[in-house]
C-alpha atoms as a PDB file:
ATOM      1  CA  MET A   1      33.485 -20.851  40.422  1.00  0.00           C
ATOM      2  CA  ARG A   2      31.517 -17.595  40.085  1.00  0.00           C
ATOM      3  CA  SER A   3      30.304 -18.514  36.572  1.00  0.00           C
ATOM      4  CA  ALA A   4      29.088 -21.892  37.858  1.00  0.00           C
ATOM      5  CA  SER A   5      27.108 -20.135  40.598  1.00  0.00           C
ATOM      6  CA  VAL A   6      25.576 -17.722  38.096  1.00  0.00           C
ATOM      7  CA  CYS A   7      24.634 -20.634  35.800  1.00  0.00           C
ATOM      8  CA  LEU A   8      23.038 -22.461  38.722  1.00  0.00           C
ATOM      9  CA  ILE A   9      21.008 -19.383  39.710  1.00  0.00           C
ATOM     10  CA  VAL A  10      19.858 -18.845  36.107  1.00  0.00           C
ATOM     11  CA  LEU A  11      18.884 -22.525  35.841  1.00  0.00           C
ATOM     12  CA  LEU A  12      16.926 -22.440  39.113  1.00  0.00           C
ATOM     13  CA  CYS A  13      15.110 -19.246  38.082  1.00  0.00           C
ATOM     14  CA  SER A  14      14.234 -20.794  34.721  1.00  0.00           C
ATOM     15  CA  LEU A  15      12.842 -23.892  36.394  1.00  0.00           C
ATOM     16  CA  LEU A  16      10.828 -21.809  38.849  1.00  0.00           C
ATOM     17  CA  LEU A  17       9.367 -19.586  36.120  1.00  0.00           C
ATOM     18  CA  SER A  18       8.534 -22.533  33.887  1.00  0.00           C
ATOM     19  CA  ALA A  19       6.291 -23.932  36.647  1.00  0.00           C
ATOM     20  CA  PHE A  20       3.960 -20.911  36.634  1.00  0.00           C
ATOM     21  CA  PRO A  21       2.038 -21.673  33.399  1.00  0.00           C
ATOM     22  CA  VAL A  22       1.162 -25.133  34.717  1.00  0.00           C
ATOM     23  CA  ALA A  23      -0.023 -23.736  38.046  1.00  0.00           C
ATOM     24  CA  ALA A  24      -2.187 -21.171  36.239  1.00  0.00           C
ATOM     25  CA  LYS A  25      -4.125 -23.985  34.547  1.00  0.00           C
ATOM     26  CA  ASP A  26      -5.304 -25.553  37.810  1.00  0.00           C
ATOM     27  CA  GLY A  27      -9.006 -25.067  38.333  1.00  0.00           C
ATOM     28  CA  VAL A  28      -9.967 -24.782  34.656  1.00  0.00           C
ATOM     29  CA  HIS A  29     -13.023 -26.754  33.585  1.00  0.00           C
ATOM     30  CA  ALA A  30     -14.680 -27.561  30.258  1.00  0.00           C
ATOM     31  CA  ASN A  31     -18.368 -27.098  29.512  1.00  0.00           C
ATOM     32  CA  VAL A  32     -19.425 -28.946  26.339  1.00  0.00           C
ATOM     33  CA  HIS A  33     -22.268 -27.232  24.467  1.00  0.00           C
ATOM     34  CA  SER A  34     -22.864 -29.950  21.860  1.00  0.00           C
ATOM     35  CA  SER A  35     -24.769 -33.177  22.396  1.00  0.00           C
ATOM     36  CA  ILE A  36     -22.676 -36.208  21.540  1.00  0.00           C
ATOM     37  CA  PRO A  37     -24.703 -39.285  20.552  1.00  0.00           C
ATOM     38  CA  ALA A  38     -23.266 -42.381  22.258  1.00  0.00           C
ATOM     39  CA  HIS A  39     -24.236 -44.689  19.385  1.00  0.00           C
ATOM     40  CA  ALA A  40     -23.238 -42.532  16.414  1.00  0.00           C
ATOM     41  CA  ARG A  41     -21.846 -44.379  13.406  1.00  0.00           C
ATOM     42  CA  ALA A  42     -18.085 -44.954  13.564  1.00  0.00           C
ATOM     43  CA  GLY A  43     -16.220 -42.719  11.144  1.00  0.00           C
ATOM     44  CA  SER A  44     -18.947 -40.080  11.000  1.00  0.00           C
ATOM     45  CA  GLN A  45     -17.939 -36.556  11.949  1.00  0.00           C
ATOM     46  CA  LEU A  46     -19.467 -34.277  14.524  1.00  0.00           C
ATOM     47  CA  ASN A  47     -18.793 -30.585  15.117  1.00  0.00           C
ATOM     48  CA  ILE A  48     -18.344 -30.176  18.871  1.00  0.00           C
ATOM     49  CA  THR A  49     -18.235 -26.838  20.694  1.00  0.00           C
ATOM     50  CA  TRP A  50     -17.133 -26.143  24.254  1.00  0.00           C
ATOM     51  CA  THR A  51     -15.879 -23.412  26.539  1.00  0.00           C
ATOM     52  CA  LEU A  52     -13.036 -23.394  29.037  1.00  0.00           C
ATOM     53  CA  SER A  53     -13.184 -21.230  32.127  1.00  0.00           C
ATOM     54  CA  ASN A  54     -11.592 -20.768  35.493  1.00  0.00           C
ATOM     55  CA  GLU A  55     -13.659 -22.531  38.159  1.00  0.00           C
ATOM     56  CA  GLU A  56     -12.898 -19.859  40.749  1.00  0.00           C
ATOM     57  CA  ASP A  57     -13.931 -16.686  38.925  1.00  0.00           C
ATOM     58  CA  GLY A  58     -15.516 -17.883  35.666  1.00  0.00           C
ATOM     59  CA  GLU A  59     -12.962 -16.039  33.534  1.00  0.00           C
ATOM     60  CA  PRO A  60     -12.423 -17.562  30.051  1.00  0.00           C
ATOM     61  CA  PHE A  61      -9.338 -19.717  29.570  1.00  0.00           C
ATOM     62  CA  ASN A  62      -7.611 -19.198  26.220  1.00  0.00           C
ATOM     63  CA  ALA A  63      -4.980 -21.558  24.848  1.00  0.00           C
ATOM     64  CA  CYS A  64      -3.620 -23.169  21.716  1.00  0.00           C
ATOM     65  CA  ARG A  65      -3.250 -26.932  21.133  1.00  0.00           C
ATOM     66  CA  VAL A  66      -6.618 -27.592  22.820  1.00  0.00           C
ATOM     67  CA  PHE A  67      -8.116 -30.928  21.800  1.00  0.00           C
ATOM     68  CA  ILE A  68     -11.154 -33.107  22.314  1.00  0.00           C
ATOM     69  CA  ARG A  69     -10.714 -36.865  22.507  1.00  0.00           C
ATOM     70  CA  LEU A  70     -13.663 -39.193  21.890  1.00  0.00           C
ATOM     71  CA  ILE A  71     -13.237 -42.618  23.484  1.00  0.00           C
ATOM     72  CA  GLY A  72     -15.175 -45.698  22.426  1.00  0.00           C
ATOM     73  CA  PRO A  73     -16.295 -48.546  24.698  1.00  0.00           C
ATOM     74  CA  SER A  74     -13.337 -50.742  23.670  1.00  0.00           C
ATOM     75  CA  GLY A  75     -10.786 -47.964  24.263  1.00  0.00           C
ATOM     76  CA  ASP A  76     -10.452 -46.901  20.621  1.00  0.00           C
ATOM     77  CA  SER A  77     -10.215 -43.127  20.433  1.00  0.00           C
ATOM     78  CA  THR A  78     -10.103 -40.226  18.029  1.00  0.00           C
ATOM     79  CA  GLU A  79      -8.806 -36.745  18.605  1.00  0.00           C
ATOM     80  CA  ALA A  80      -9.466 -33.341  17.044  1.00  0.00           C
ATOM     81  CA  PHE A  81      -7.736 -30.032  17.674  1.00  0.00           C
ATOM     82  CA  ALA A  82      -9.529 -26.712  17.926  1.00  0.00           C
ATOM     83  CA  PRO A  83      -8.103 -23.433  16.639  1.00  0.00           C
ATOM     84  CA  CYS A  84      -6.541 -21.248  19.351  1.00  0.00           C
ATOM     85  CA  GLY A  85      -9.221 -20.062  21.755  1.00  0.00           C
ATOM     86  CA  ALA A  86     -10.718 -16.611  21.961  1.00  0.00           C
ATOM     87  CA  ASP A  87     -12.963 -15.783  24.913  1.00  0.00           C
ATOM     88  CA  GLY A  88     -12.579 -19.404  26.046  1.00  0.00           C
ATOM     89  CA  ARG A  89     -14.616 -20.744  23.093  1.00  0.00           C
ATOM     90  CA  TYR A  90     -13.516 -23.780  21.112  1.00  0.00           C
ATOM     91  CA  SER A  91     -14.855 -25.913  18.281  1.00  0.00           C
ATOM     92  CA  ALA A  92     -13.523 -28.972  16.473  1.00  0.00           C
ATOM     93  CA  LEU A  93     -14.722 -31.460  13.879  1.00  0.00           C
ATOM     94  CA  ALA A  94     -14.261 -34.840  15.583  1.00  0.00           C
ATOM     95  CA  GLU A  95     -14.575 -38.332  14.121  1.00  0.00           C
ATOM     96  CA  ILE A  96     -16.644 -40.897  15.990  1.00  0.00           C
ATOM     97  CA  PRO A  97     -14.466 -43.862  17.119  1.00  0.00           C
ATOM     98  CA  LYS A  98     -15.242 -47.542  16.572  1.00  0.00           C
ATOM     99  CA  GLY A  99     -18.169 -48.595  18.763  1.00  0.00           C
ATOM    100  CA  GLY A 100     -19.476 -45.061  19.367  1.00  0.00           C
ATOM    101  CA  VAL A 101     -18.649 -42.707  22.225  1.00  0.00           C
ATOM    102  CA  SER A 102     -18.528 -43.779  25.866  1.00  0.00           C
ATOM    103  CA  ALA A 103     -16.294 -40.989  27.238  1.00  0.00           C
ATOM    104  CA  ILE A 104     -14.661 -37.723  26.248  1.00  0.00           C
ATOM    105  CA  GLN A 105     -11.576 -35.851  27.331  1.00  0.00           C
ATOM    106  CA  ILE A 106     -10.682 -32.225  26.699  1.00  0.00           C
ATOM    107  CA  GLY A 107      -7.189 -30.970  27.273  1.00  0.00           C
ATOM    108  CA  VAL A 108      -4.155 -29.025  26.178  1.00  0.00           C
ATOM    109  CA  ALA A 109      -1.539 -31.074  24.329  1.00  0.00           C
ATOM    110  CA  GLY A 110       1.952 -30.775  25.675  1.00  0.00           C
ATOM    111  CA  THR A 111       5.294 -32.510  25.611  1.00  0.00           C
ATOM    112  CA  MET A 112       7.651 -33.646  28.304  1.00  0.00           C
ATOM    113  CA  SER A 113      11.398 -34.033  27.777  1.00  0.00           C
ATOM    114  CA  ASP A 114      13.705 -36.302  29.732  1.00  0.00           C
ATOM    115  CA  GLN A 115      17.359 -35.621  30.513  1.00  0.00           C
ATOM    116  CA  GLU A 116      18.469 -37.346  27.305  1.00  0.00           C
ATOM    117  CA  GLY A 117      16.352 -34.999  25.182  1.00  0.00           C
ATOM    118  CA  ASN A 118      13.673 -37.565  24.351  1.00  0.00           C
ATOM    119  CA  ASN A 119      10.232 -36.022  24.015  1.00  0.00           C
ATOM    120  CA  GLU A 120       6.890 -37.652  24.703  1.00  0.00           C
ATOM    121  CA  ARG A 121       3.358 -36.356  24.689  1.00  0.00           C
ATOM    122  CA  SER A 122       2.131 -35.150  28.070  1.00  0.00           C
ATOM    123  CA  ASP A 123      -1.403 -33.745  28.057  1.00  0.00           C
ATOM    124  CA  TRP A 124      -3.104 -31.641  30.683  1.00  0.00           C
ATOM    125  CA  LEU A 125      -6.729 -32.746  30.922  1.00  0.00           C
ATOM    126  CA  MET A 126      -9.567 -30.481  32.053  1.00  0.00           C
ATOM    127  CA  ALA A 127     -12.347 -31.406  34.443  1.00  0.00           C
ATOM    128  CA  LEU A 128     -15.703 -31.691  32.654  1.00  0.00           C
ATOM    129  CA  ALA A 129     -18.492 -29.514  34.060  1.00  0.00           C
ATOM    130  CA  ASN A 130     -21.185 -31.571  32.289  1.00  0.00           C
ATOM    131  CA  ASP A 131     -21.783 -34.914  30.572  1.00  0.00           C
ATOM    132  CA  PRO A 132     -22.701 -34.210  26.932  1.00  0.00           C
ATOM    133  CA  ILE A 133     -23.040 -37.876  25.880  1.00  0.00           C
ATOM    134  CA  GLU A 134     -26.599 -38.845  24.962  1.00  0.00           C
ATOM    135  CA  LYS A 135     -27.120 -42.389  26.235  1.00  0.00           C
END
């Protein structure tokens, strides 16, 4: 019985501690420094730079698996990953989707596991501080 109680306490502590990294990401926003032409030719590549920072104090947000997703008017999308951030600065070479660019998303790629051990992608998306798409 005692070992079951210890296992339960360890499990609860693990669950509680695993929630902290997610909470720390709240309030982070992206500021895109590159202009993104809305009607760029599909398949062409564009180097896009952006910064991530904490909305509350402006401190840089550094992470790995940060991506930018370009979304076309019909829902087609492309995605490019940036190298791990330093001083909250990121850059990626992104491909323009079919139809051009009508929206962008910036986030940190993650995974979620169910009780059976199946994994699926679960991204955390940042709020955008600006609209870099040239209409």
